[in-house]
Amino acid sequence: MENGFLRVYGHPSYPGGPGSPERAAVDLREMLSLSNADFIPDTISVRDSGLLVALACLSPRQLTDVYPLGLAVSRGARFVTLDGRIPAAAVRGGESGLLAILPRKPRPC
């Protein structure tokens, strides 16, 4: 998931993103250095019938977005994101306070 974060969030056209994978890596290191942050390895599958409410309701982009939320829910963790468009209701238990939106702080060039 870390390389997916760098690929998506670091893409130059990502809204509000840092503009490059290198600068996204700086943000990732900063987030993972927080005392309450934890890296969760990929241990679930979208094939798990208890994870997603309905695949038919998700676009390919949304599927990529809800996977880390499902991963967090499966571990009883909180998923923190800068993207307010992730459909939390698509994940069983996703709306129960496990999705937190953080404001993007300005970054100097």
PDB file of N, CA and C in Angstrom:
ATOM      1  N   MET A   1       0.810  -1.203   0.000  1.00  0.00           N
ATOM      2  CA  MET A   1       0.000   0.000   0.000  1.00  0.00           C
ATOM      3  C   MET A   1       0.852   1.264   0.000  1.00  0.00           C
ATOM      4  N   GLU A   2       2.071   1.177   0.516  1.00  0.00           N
ATOM      5  CA  GLU A   2       2.902   2.382   0.545  1.00  0.00           C
ATOM      6  C   GLU A   2       3.221   2.871  -0.865  1.00  0.00           C
ATOM      7  N   ASN A   3       3.543   1.928  -1.768  1.00  0.00           N
ATOM      8  CA  ASN A   3       3.850   2.382  -3.125  1.00  0.00           C
ATOM      9  C   ASN A   3       2.602   2.918  -3.820  1.00  0.00           C
ATOM     10  N   GLY A   4       1.432   2.377  -3.488  1.00  0.00           N
ATOM     11  CA  GLY A   4       0.180   2.911  -4.021  1.00  0.00           C
ATOM     12  C   GLY A   4      -0.056   4.335  -3.530  1.00  0.00           C
ATOM     13  N   PHE A   5       0.244   4.582  -2.272  1.00  0.00           N
ATOM     14  CA  PHE A   5       0.130   5.937  -1.723  1.00  0.00           C
ATOM     15  C   PHE A   5       1.031   6.894  -2.498  1.00  0.00           C
ATOM     16  N   LEU A   6       2.283   6.501  -2.691  1.00  0.00           N
ATOM     17  CA  LEU A   6       3.222   7.364  -3.421  1.00  0.00           C
ATOM     18  C   LEU A   6       2.776   7.579  -4.860  1.00  0.00           C
ATOM     19  N   ARG A   7       2.271   6.523  -5.490  1.00  0.00           N
ATOM     20  CA  ARG A   7       1.845   6.621  -6.891  1.00  0.00           C
ATOM     21  C   ARG A   7       0.644   7.543  -7.050  1.00  0.00           C
ATOM     22  N   VAL A   8      -0.346   7.383  -6.191  1.00  0.00           N
ATOM     23  CA  VAL A   8      -1.572   8.176  -6.317  1.00  0.00           C
ATOM     24  C   VAL A   8      -1.399   9.577  -5.745  1.00  0.00           C
ATOM     25  N   TYR A   9      -1.026   9.671  -4.496  1.00  0.00           N
ATOM     26  CA  TYR A   9      -0.907  10.971  -3.819  1.00  0.00           C
ATOM     27  C   TYR A   9       0.222  11.815  -4.419  1.00  0.00           C
ATOM     28  N   GLY A  10       1.279  11.161  -4.905  1.00  0.00           N
ATOM     29  CA  GLY A  10       2.400  11.890  -5.479  1.00  0.00           C
ATOM     30  C   GLY A  10       2.238  12.248  -6.940  1.00  0.00           C
ATOM     31  N   HIS A  11       1.134  11.842  -7.571  1.00  0.00           N
ATOM     32  CA  HIS A  11       0.911  12.170  -8.982  1.00  0.00           C
ATOM     33  C   HIS A  11       0.729  13.681  -9.129  1.00  0.00           C
ATOM     34  N   PRO A  12       1.356  14.282 -10.120  1.00  0.00           N
ATOM     35  CA  PRO A  12       1.266  15.738 -10.288  1.00  0.00           C
ATOM     36  C   PRO A  12      -0.165  16.269 -10.418  1.00  0.00           C
ATOM     37  N   SER A  13      -1.094  15.456 -10.908  1.00  0.00           N
ATOM     38  CA  SER A  13      -2.465  15.944 -11.076  1.00  0.00           C
ATOM     39  C   SER A  13      -3.366  15.635  -9.877  1.00  0.00           C
ATOM     40  N   TYR A  14      -2.812  15.027  -8.797  1.00  0.00           N
ATOM     41  CA  TYR A  14      -3.637  14.733  -7.631  1.00  0.00           C
ATOM     42  C   TYR A  14      -4.011  16.044  -6.940  1.00  0.00           C
ATOM     43  N   PRO A  15      -5.312  16.304  -6.766  1.00  0.00           N
ATOM     44  CA  PRO A  15      -5.748  17.569  -6.162  1.00  0.00           C
ATOM     45  C   PRO A  15      -5.210  17.759  -4.741  1.00  0.00           C
ATOM     46  N   GLY A  16      -4.500  18.827  -4.525  1.00  0.00           N
ATOM     47  CA  GLY A  16      -3.959  19.134  -3.204  1.00  0.00           C
ATOM     48  C   GLY A  16      -2.750  18.308  -2.817  1.00  0.00           C
ATOM     49  N   GLY A  17      -2.257  17.481  -3.731  1.00  0.00           N
ATOM     50  CA  GLY A  17      -1.107  16.636  -3.435  1.00  0.00           C
ATOM     51  C   GLY A  17       0.203  17.398  -3.532  1.00  0.00           C
ATOM     52  N   PRO A  18       1.293  16.734  -3.201  1.00  0.00           N
ATOM     53  CA  PRO A  18       2.593  17.392  -3.182  1.00  0.00           C
ATOM     54  C   PRO A  18       3.239  17.540  -4.557  1.00  0.00           C
ATOM     55  N   GLY A  19       2.740  16.827  -5.570  1.00  0.00           N
ATOM     56  CA  GLY A  19       3.239  17.012  -6.924  1.00  0.00           C
ATOM     57  C   GLY A  19       4.257  15.997  -7.407  1.00  0.00           C
ATOM     58  N   SER A  20       4.792  15.167  -6.521  1.00  0.00           N
ATOM     59  CA  SER A  20       5.755  14.149  -6.946  1.00  0.00           C
ATOM     60  C   SER A  20       5.799  13.023  -5.913  1.00  0.00           C
ATOM     61  N   PRO A  21       6.178  11.808  -6.354  1.00  0.00           N
ATOM     62  CA  PRO A  21       6.319  10.712  -5.400  1.00  0.00           C
ATOM     63  C   PRO A  21       7.380  11.004  -4.331  1.00  0.00           C
ATOM     64  N   GLU A  22       8.427  11.701  -4.707  1.00  0.00           N
ATOM     65  CA  GLU A  22       9.480  12.030  -3.741  1.00  0.00           C
ATOM     66  C   GLU A  22       8.937  12.884  -2.600  1.00  0.00           C
ATOM     67  N   ARG A  23       8.153  13.890  -2.938  1.00  0.00           N
ATOM     68  CA  ARG A  23       7.580  14.751  -1.898  1.00  0.00           C
ATOM     69  C   ARG A  23       6.475  14.030  -1.134  1.00  0.00           C
ATOM     70  N   ALA A  24       5.779  13.103  -1.805  1.00  0.00           N
ATOM     71  CA  ALA A  24       4.770  12.299  -1.113  1.00  0.00           C
ATOM     72  C   ALA A  24       5.434  11.390  -0.078  1.00  0.00           C
ATOM     73  N   ALA A  25       6.636  10.909  -0.384  1.00  0.00           N
ATOM     74  CA  ALA A  25       7.378  10.064   0.558  1.00  0.00           C
ATOM     75  C   ALA A  25       7.713  10.836   1.828  1.00  0.00           C
ATOM     76  N   VAL A  26       7.969  12.127   1.696  1.00  0.00           N
ATOM     77  CA  VAL A  26       8.233  12.965   2.870  1.00  0.00           C
ATOM     78  C   VAL A  26       6.994  12.983   3.761  1.00  0.00           C
ATOM     79  N   ASP A  27       5.824  13.172   3.155  1.00  0.00           N
ATOM     80  CA  ASP A  27       4.572  13.183   3.922  1.00  0.00           C
ATOM     81  C   ASP A  27       4.311  11.817   4.560  1.00  0.00           C
ATOM     82  N   LEU A  28       4.602  10.740   3.818  1.00  0.00           N
ATOM     83  CA  LEU A  28       4.397   9.398   4.358  1.00  0.00           C
ATOM     84  C   LEU A  28       5.282   9.149   5.573  1.00  0.00           C
ATOM     85  N   ARG A  29       6.551   9.508   5.465  1.00  0.00           N
ATOM     86  CA  ARG A  29       7.459   9.339   6.609  1.00  0.00           C
ATOM     87  C   ARG A  29       6.978  10.161   7.801  1.00  0.00           C
ATOM     88  N   GLU A  30       6.512  11.376   7.532  1.00  0.00           N
ATOM     89  CA  GLU A  30       6.013  12.244   8.610  1.00  0.00           C
ATOM     90  C   GLU A  30       4.799  11.616   9.292  1.00  0.00           C
ATOM     91  N   MET A  31       3.876  11.087   8.494  1.00  0.00           N
ATOM     92  CA  MET A  31       2.673  10.470   9.071  1.00  0.00           C
ATOM     93  C   MET A  31       3.024   9.227   9.884  1.00  0.00           C
ATOM     94  N   LEU A  32       3.927   8.392   9.362  1.00  0.00           N
ATOM     95  CA  LEU A  32       4.281   7.156  10.062  1.00  0.00           C
ATOM     96  C   LEU A  32       5.162   7.395  11.285  1.00  0.00           C
ATOM     97  N   SER A  33       5.710   8.599  11.411  1.00  0.00           N
ATOM     98  CA  SER A  33       6.521   8.907  12.588  1.00  0.00           C
ATOM     99  C   SER A  33       5.660   9.312  13.789  1.00  0.00           C
ATOM    100  N   LEU A  34       4.379   9.548  13.557  1.00  0.00           N
ATOM    101  CA  LEU A  34       3.486   9.917  14.655  1.00  0.00           C
ATOM    102  C   LEU A  34       3.352   8.744  15.615  1.00  0.00           C
ATOM    103  N   SER A  35       3.264   9.039  16.893  1.00  0.00           N
ATOM    104  CA  SER A  35       3.210   7.971  17.901  1.00  0.00           C
ATOM    105  C   SER A  35       1.979   7.091  17.768  1.00  0.00           C
ATOM    106  N   ASN A  36       0.904   7.622  17.210  1.00  0.00           N
ATOM    107  CA  ASN A  36      -0.317   6.826  17.089  1.00  0.00           C
ATOM    108  C   ASN A  36      -0.509   6.257  15.681  1.00  0.00           C
ATOM    109  N   ALA A  37       0.524   6.308  14.853  1.00  0.00           N
ATOM    110  CA  ALA A  37       0.455   5.750  13.496  1.00  0.00           C
ATOM    111  C   ALA A  37       1.047   4.342  13.486  1.00  0.00           C
ATOM    112  N   ASP A  38       0.510   3.505  12.623  1.00  0.00           N
ATOM    113  CA  ASP A  38       0.997   2.141  12.520  1.00  0.00           C
ATOM    114  C   ASP A  38       0.858   1.688  11.075  1.00  0.00           C
ATOM    115  N   PHE A  39       1.843   0.981  10.579  1.00  0.00           N
ATOM    116  CA  PHE A  39       1.768   0.397   9.243  1.00  0.00           C
ATOM    117  C   PHE A  39       1.065  -0.940   9.359  1.00  0.00           C
ATOM    118  N   ILE A  40       0.021  -1.134   8.574  1.00  0.00           N
ATOM    119  CA  ILE A  40      -0.737  -2.383   8.589  1.00  0.00           C
ATOM    120  C   ILE A  40      -0.471  -3.097   7.272  1.00  0.00           C
ATOM    121  N   PRO A  41       0.124  -4.291   7.320  1.00  0.00           N
ATOM    122  CA  PRO A  41       0.382  -5.024   6.079  1.00  0.00           C
ATOM    123  C   PRO A  41      -0.914  -5.500   5.434  1.00  0.00           C
ATOM    124  N   ASP A  42      -0.877  -5.714   4.124  1.00  0.00           N
ATOM    125  CA  ASP A  42      -2.050  -6.198   3.393  1.00  0.00           C
ATOM    126  C   ASP A  42      -2.387  -7.616   3.839  1.00  0.00           C
ATOM    127  N   THR A  43      -3.510  -7.752   4.517  1.00  0.00           N
ATOM    128  CA  THR A  43      -3.901  -9.069   5.018  1.00  0.00           C
ATOM    129  C   THR A  43      -5.344  -9.414   4.666  1.00  0.00           C
ATOM    130  N   ILE A  44      -5.987  -8.591   3.850  1.00  0.00           N
ATOM    131  CA  ILE A  44      -7.376  -8.843   3.462  1.00  0.00           C
ATOM    132  C   ILE A  44      -7.458  -8.925   1.947  1.00  0.00           C
ATOM    133  N   SER A  45      -8.604  -9.337   1.469  1.00  0.00           N
ATOM    134  CA  SER A  45      -8.847  -9.412   0.035  1.00  0.00           C
ATOM    135  C   SER A  45     -10.211  -8.821  -0.259  1.00  0.00           C
ATOM    136  N   VAL A  46     -10.344  -8.191  -1.418  1.00  0.00           N
ATOM    137  CA  VAL A  46     -11.655  -7.680  -1.815  1.00  0.00           C
ATOM    138  C   VAL A  46     -12.622  -8.830  -2.102  1.00  0.00           C
ATOM    139  N   ARG A  47     -12.108 -10.046  -2.166  1.00  0.00           N
ATOM    140  CA  ARG A  47     -12.969 -11.225  -2.345  1.00  0.00           C
ATOM    141  C   ARG A  47     -13.662 -11.615  -1.057  1.00  0.00           C
ATOM    142  N   ASP A  48     -13.186 -11.093   0.081  1.00  0.00           N
ATOM    143  CA  ASP A  48     -13.816 -11.391   1.366  1.00  0.00           C
ATOM    144  C   ASP A  48     -15.246 -10.864   1.345  1.00  0.00           C
ATOM    145  N   SER A  49     -16.211 -11.748   1.456  1.00  0.00           N
ATOM    146  CA  SER A  49     -17.613 -11.338   1.350  1.00  0.00           C
ATOM    147  C   SER A  49     -18.056 -10.407   2.464  1.00  0.00           C
ATOM    148  N   GLY A  50     -17.382 -10.422   3.598  1.00  0.00           N
ATOM    149  CA  GLY A  50     -17.773  -9.568   4.711  1.00  0.00           C
ATOM    150  C   GLY A  50     -17.154  -8.181   4.684  1.00  0.00           C
ATOM    151  N   LEU A  51     -16.321  -7.899   3.699  1.00  0.00           N
ATOM    152  CA  LEU A  51     -15.605  -6.618   3.678  1.00  0.00           C
ATOM    153  C   LEU A  51     -16.410  -5.499   3.024  1.00  0.00           C
ATOM    154  N   LEU A  52     -16.746  -5.661   1.760  1.00  0.00           N
ATOM    155  CA  LEU A  52     -17.430  -4.610   1.017  1.00  0.00           C
ATOM    156  C   LEU A  52     -18.926  -4.853   0.984  1.00  0.00           C
ATOM    157  N   VAL A  53     -19.687  -3.778   1.029  1.00  0.00           N
ATOM    158  CA  VAL A  53     -21.138  -3.881   1.012  1.00  0.00           C
ATOM    159  C   VAL A  53     -21.607  -4.375  -0.360  1.00  0.00           C
ATOM    160  N   ALA A  54     -21.128  -3.735  -1.442  1.00  0.00           N
ATOM    161  CA  ALA A  54     -21.511  -4.156  -2.794  1.00  0.00           C
ATOM    162  C   ALA A  54     -20.500  -3.628  -3.799  1.00  0.00           C
ATOM    163  N   LEU A  55     -19.829  -4.538  -4.478  1.00  0.00           N
ATOM    164  CA  LEU A  55     -18.868  -4.135  -5.509  1.00  0.00           C
ATOM    165  C   LEU A  55     -19.552  -3.410  -6.658  1.00  0.00           C
ATOM    166  N   ALA A  56     -20.795  -3.760  -6.949  1.00  0.00           N
ATOM    167  CA  ALA A  56     -21.507  -3.173  -8.080  1.00  0.00           C
ATOM    168  C   ALA A  56     -21.679  -1.663  -7.936  1.00  0.00           C
ATOM    169  N   CYS A  57     -21.628  -1.182  -6.707  1.00  0.00           N
ATOM    170  CA  CYS A  57     -21.839   0.247  -6.459  1.00  0.00           C
ATOM    171  C   CYS A  57     -20.549   1.059  -6.525  1.00  0.00           C
ATOM    172  N   LEU A  58     -19.417   0.404  -6.769  1.00  0.00           N
ATOM    173  CA  LEU A  58     -18.126   1.097  -6.738  1.00  0.00           C
ATOM    174  C   LEU A  58     -17.493   1.196  -8.121  1.00  0.00           C
ATOM    175  N   SER A  59     -16.910   2.345  -8.396  1.00  0.00           N
ATOM    176  CA  SER A  59     -16.118   2.506  -9.614  1.00  0.00           C
ATOM    177  C   SER A  59     -14.736   1.907  -9.340  1.00  0.00           C
ATOM    178  N   PRO A  60     -13.938   1.654 -10.380  1.00  0.00           N
ATOM    179  CA  PRO A  60     -12.585   1.137 -10.146  1.00  0.00           C
ATOM    180  C   PRO A  60     -11.761   2.042  -9.228  1.00  0.00           C
ATOM    181  N   ARG A  61     -11.898   3.342  -9.375  1.00  0.00           N
ATOM    182  CA  ARG A  61     -11.155   4.277  -8.524  1.00  0.00           C
ATOM    183  C   ARG A  61     -11.604   4.164  -7.067  1.00  0.00           C
ATOM    184  N   GLN A  62     -12.913   4.054  -6.866  1.00  0.00           N
ATOM    185  CA  GLN A  62     -13.426   3.939  -5.500  1.00  0.00           C
ATOM    186  C   GLN A  62     -12.976   2.636  -4.848  1.00  0.00           C
ATOM    187  N   LEU A  63     -12.870   1.577  -5.630  1.00  0.00           N
ATOM    188  CA  LEU A  63     -12.414   0.308  -5.080  1.00  0.00           C
ATOM    189  C   LEU A  63     -11.007   0.455  -4.521  1.00  0.00           C
ATOM    190  N   THR A  64     -10.159   1.140  -5.251  1.00  0.00           N
ATOM    191  CA  THR A  64      -8.799   1.398  -4.779  1.00  0.00           C
ATOM    192  C   THR A  64      -8.819   2.248  -3.524  1.00  0.00           C
ATOM    193  N   ASP A  65      -9.760   3.160  -3.423  1.00  0.00           N
ATOM    194  CA  ASP A  65      -9.861   4.036  -2.257  1.00  0.00           C
ATOM    195  C   ASP A  65     -10.393   3.326  -1.014  1.00  0.00           C
ATOM    196  N   VAL A  66     -11.352   2.427  -1.183  1.00  0.00           N
ATOM    197  CA  VAL A  66     -11.963   1.800  -0.008  1.00  0.00           C
ATOM    198  C   VAL A  66     -11.130   0.643   0.547  1.00  0.00           C
ATOM    199  N   TYR A  67     -10.208   0.109  -0.239  1.00  0.00           N
ATOM    200  CA  TYR A  67      -9.403  -1.014   0.250  1.00  0.00           C
ATOM    201  C   TYR A  67      -8.639  -0.660   1.533  1.00  0.00           C
ATOM    202  N   PRO A  68      -7.905   0.457   1.596  1.00  0.00           N
ATOM    203  CA  PRO A  68      -7.204   0.753   2.851  1.00  0.00           C
ATOM    204  C   PRO A  68      -8.154   1.007   4.017  1.00  0.00           C
ATOM    205  N   LEU A  69      -9.332   1.526   3.739  1.00  0.00           N
ATOM    206  CA  LEU A  69     -10.326   1.688   4.801  1.00  0.00           C
ATOM    207  C   LEU A  69     -10.749   0.315   5.316  1.00  0.00           C
ATOM    208  N   GLY A  70     -11.004  -0.610   4.407  1.00  0.00           N
ATOM    209  CA  GLY A  70     -11.360  -1.970   4.807  1.00  0.00           C
ATOM    210  C   GLY A  70     -10.246  -2.638   5.587  1.00  0.00           C
ATOM    211  N   LEU A  71      -9.019  -2.383   5.200  1.00  0.00           N
ATOM    212  CA  LEU A  71      -7.869  -2.932   5.910  1.00  0.00           C
ATOM    213  C   LEU A  71      -7.836  -2.411   7.346  1.00  0.00           C
ATOM    214  N   ALA A  72      -8.057  -1.110   7.501  1.00  0.00           N
ATOM    215  CA  ALA A  72      -8.079  -0.522   8.845  1.00  0.00           C
ATOM    216  C   ALA A  72      -9.224  -1.097   9.678  1.00  0.00           C
ATOM    217  N   VAL A  73     -10.413  -1.183   9.086  1.00  0.00           N
ATOM    218  CA  VAL A  73     -11.573  -1.709   9.813  1.00  0.00           C
ATOM    219  C   VAL A  73     -11.298  -3.144  10.260  1.00  0.00           C
ATOM    220  N   SER A  74     -10.665  -3.936   9.402  1.00  0.00           N
ATOM    221  CA  SER A  74     -10.400  -5.335   9.744  1.00  0.00           C
ATOM    222  C   SER A  74      -9.466  -5.474  10.939  1.00  0.00           C
ATOM    223  N   ARG A  75      -8.677  -4.460  11.207  1.00  0.00           N
ATOM    224  CA  ARG A  75      -7.727  -4.480  12.321  1.00  0.00           C
ATOM    225  C   ARG A  75      -8.177  -3.625  13.502  1.00  0.00           C
ATOM    226  N   GLY A  76      -9.373  -3.031  13.419  1.00  0.00           N
ATOM    227  CA  GLY A  76      -9.858  -2.180  14.495  1.00  0.00           C
ATOM    228  C   GLY A  76      -9.085  -0.880  14.585  1.00  0.00           C
ATOM    229  N   ALA A  77      -8.511  -0.460  13.471  1.00  0.00           N
ATOM    230  CA  ALA A  77      -7.710   0.762  13.441  1.00  0.00           C
ATOM    231  C   ALA A  77      -8.503   1.914  12.836  1.00  0.00           C
ATOM    232  N   ARG A  78      -7.951   3.091  12.910  1.00  0.00           N
ATOM    233  CA  ARG A  78      -8.560   4.283  12.322  1.00  0.00           C
ATOM    234  C   ARG A  78      -7.847   4.574  11.007  1.00  0.00           C
ATOM    235  N   PHE A  79      -8.625   4.783   9.963  1.00  0.00           N
ATOM    236  CA  PHE A  79      -8.080   5.139   8.661  1.00  0.00           C
ATOM    237  C   PHE A  79      -8.090   6.652   8.544  1.00  0.00           C
ATOM    238  N   VAL A  80      -6.935   7.242   8.343  1.00  0.00           N
ATOM    239  CA  VAL A  80      -6.811   8.698   8.234  1.00  0.00           C
ATOM    240  C   VAL A  80      -6.455   9.032   6.804  1.00  0.00           C
ATOM    241  N   THR A  81      -7.186   9.955   6.215  1.00  0.00           N
ATOM    242  CA  THR A  81      -6.983  10.293   4.810  1.00  0.00           C
ATOM    243  C   THR A  81      -7.152  11.783   4.575  1.00  0.00           C
ATOM    244  N   LEU A  82      -6.591  12.241   3.482  1.00  0.00           N
ATOM    245  CA  LEU A  82      -6.772  13.621   3.045  1.00  0.00           C
ATOM    246  C   LEU A  82      -7.894  13.718   2.015  1.00  0.00           C
ATOM    247  N   ASP A  83      -8.445  12.586   1.620  1.00  0.00           N
ATOM    248  CA  ASP A  83      -9.455  12.518   0.564  1.00  0.00           C
ATOM    249  C   ASP A  83     -10.844  12.371   1.162  1.00  0.00           C
ATOM    250  N   GLY A  84     -11.642  13.396   1.056  1.00  0.00           N
ATOM    251  CA  GLY A  84     -12.985  13.381   1.613  1.00  0.00           C
ATOM    252  C   GLY A  84     -14.012  12.699   0.732  1.00  0.00           C
ATOM    253  N   ARG A  85     -13.595  12.132  -0.401  1.00  0.00           N
ATOM    254  CA  ARG A  85     -14.542  11.516  -1.330  1.00  0.00           C
ATOM    255  C   ARG A  85     -14.641  10.000  -1.171  1.00  0.00           C
ATOM    256  N   ILE A  86     -13.949   9.419  -0.227  1.00  0.00           N
ATOM    257  CA  ILE A  86     -13.979   7.969  -0.061  1.00  0.00           C
ATOM    258  C   ILE A  86     -15.337   7.543   0.515  1.00  0.00           C
ATOM    259  N   PRO A  87     -16.026   6.637  -0.163  1.00  0.00           N
ATOM    260  CA  PRO A  87     -17.361   6.218   0.298  1.00  0.00           C
ATOM    261  C   PRO A  87     -17.270   5.235   1.468  1.00  0.00           C
ATOM    262  N   ALA A  88     -17.268   5.758   2.673  1.00  0.00           N
ATOM    263  CA  ALA A  88     -17.117   4.937   3.878  1.00  0.00           C
ATOM    264  C   ALA A  88     -18.204   3.878   3.989  1.00  0.00           C
ATOM    265  N   ALA A  89     -19.402   4.160   3.493  1.00  0.00           N
ATOM    266  CA  ALA A  89     -20.509   3.211   3.592  1.00  0.00           C
ATOM    267  C   ALA A  89     -20.273   1.954   2.755  1.00  0.00           C
ATOM    268  N   ALA A  90     -19.309   1.982   1.857  1.00  0.00           N
ATOM    269  CA  ALA A  90     -19.028   0.820   1.010  1.00  0.00           C
ATOM    270  C   ALA A  90     -18.330  -0.296   1.783  1.00  0.00           C
ATOM    271  N   VAL A  91     -17.761   0.034   2.938  1.00  0.00           N
ATOM    272  CA  VAL A  91     -17.060  -0.946   3.762  1.00  0.00           C
ATOM    273  C   VAL A  91     -17.901  -1.244   4.995  1.00  0.00           C
ATOM    274  N   ARG A  92     -18.110  -2.508   5.288  1.00  0.00           N
ATOM    275  CA  ARG A  92     -18.854  -2.854   6.505  1.00  0.00           C
ATOM    276  C   ARG A  92     -18.088  -2.309   7.716  1.00  0.00           C
ATOM    277  N   GLY A  93     -18.726  -1.420   8.463  1.00  0.00           N
ATOM    278  CA  GLY A  93     -18.096  -0.804   9.620  1.00  0.00           C
ATOM    279  C   GLY A  93     -17.314   0.450   9.286  1.00  0.00           C
ATOM    280  N   GLY A  94     -17.288   0.844   8.029  1.00  0.00           N
ATOM    281  CA  GLY A  94     -16.506   2.003   7.600  1.00  0.00           C
ATOM    282  C   GLY A  94     -17.016   3.331   8.109  1.00  0.00           C
ATOM    283  N   GLU A  95     -18.313   3.404   8.413  1.00  0.00           N
ATOM    284  CA  GLU A  95     -18.886   4.670   8.885  1.00  0.00           C
ATOM    285  C   GLU A  95     -18.815   4.823  10.399  1.00  0.00           C
ATOM    286  N   SER A  96     -18.334   3.840  11.094  1.00  0.00           N
ATOM    287  CA  SER A  96     -18.349   3.877  12.558  1.00  0.00           C
ATOM    288  C   SER A  96     -17.150   4.614  13.143  1.00  0.00           C
ATOM    289  N   GLY A  97     -16.839   5.760  12.593  1.00  0.00           N
ATOM    290  CA  GLY A  97     -15.763   6.576  13.142  1.00  0.00           C
ATOM    291  C   GLY A  97     -14.375   6.167  12.702  1.00  0.00           C
ATOM    292  N   LEU A  98     -14.267   5.264  11.735  1.00  0.00           N
ATOM    293  CA  LEU A  98     -12.955   4.815  11.308  1.00  0.00           C
ATOM    294  C   LEU A  98     -12.393   5.617  10.144  1.00  0.00           C
ATOM    295  N   LEU A  99     -13.140   6.586   9.660  1.00  0.00           N
ATOM    296  CA  LEU A  99     -12.677   7.420   8.559  1.00  0.00           C
ATOM    297  C   LEU A  99     -12.525   8.840   9.073  1.00  0.00           C
ATOM    298  N   ALA A 100     -11.306   9.366   9.093  1.00  0.00           N
ATOM    299  CA  ALA A 100     -11.058  10.721   9.576  1.00  0.00           C
ATOM    300  C   ALA A 100     -10.441  11.536   8.456  1.00  0.00           C
ATOM    301  N   ILE A 101     -10.956  12.717   8.222  1.00  0.00           N
ATOM    302  CA  ILE A 101     -10.437  13.590   7.179  1.00  0.00           C
ATOM    303  C   ILE A 101      -9.538  14.626   7.826  1.00  0.00           C
ATOM    304  N   LEU A 102      -8.323  14.719   7.372  1.00  0.00           N
ATOM    305  CA  LEU A 102      -7.384  15.718   7.881  1.00  0.00           C
ATOM    306  C   LEU A 102      -7.284  16.868   6.902  1.00  0.00           C
ATOM    307  N   PRO A 103      -7.257  18.095   7.373  1.00  0.00           N
ATOM    308  CA  PRO A 103      -7.048  19.214   6.461  1.00  0.00           C
ATOM    309  C   PRO A 103      -5.618  19.191   5.924  1.00  0.00           C
ATOM    310  N   ARG A 104      -5.466  19.574   4.691  1.00  0.00           N
ATOM    311  CA  ARG A 104      -4.144  19.627   4.055  1.00  0.00           C
ATOM    312  C   ARG A 104      -3.455  20.896   4.486  1.00  0.00           C
ATOM    313  N   LYS A 105      -2.282  20.774   5.091  1.00  0.00           N
ATOM    314  CA  LYS A 105      -1.542  21.962   5.487  1.00  0.00           C
ATOM    315  C   LYS A 105      -0.738  22.488   4.299  1.00  0.00           C
ATOM    316  N   PRO A 106      -0.609  23.791   4.154  1.00  0.00           N
ATOM    317  CA  PRO A 106       0.164  24.355   3.046  1.00  0.00           C
ATOM    318  C   PRO A 106       1.625  23.906   3.123  1.00  0.00           C
ATOM    319  N   ARG A 107       2.196  23.650   1.977  1.00  0.00           N
ATOM    320  CA  ARG A 107       3.599  23.208   1.904  1.00  0.00           C
ATOM    321  C   ARG A 107       4.381  24.187   1.032  1.00  0.00           C
ATOM    322  N   PRO A 108       5.495  24.673   1.554  1.00  0.00           N
ATOM    323  CA  PRO A 108       6.298  25.578   0.723  1.00  0.00           C
ATOM    324  C   PRO A 108       6.954  24.795  -0.425  1.00  0.00           C
ATOM    325  N   CYS A 109       7.287  25.475  -1.470  1.00  0.00           N
ATOM    326  CA  CYS A 109       7.921  24.820  -2.638  1.00  0.00           C
ATOM    327  C   CYS A 109       9.306  24.314  -2.335  1.00  0.00           C
TER     328      CYS A 109
END
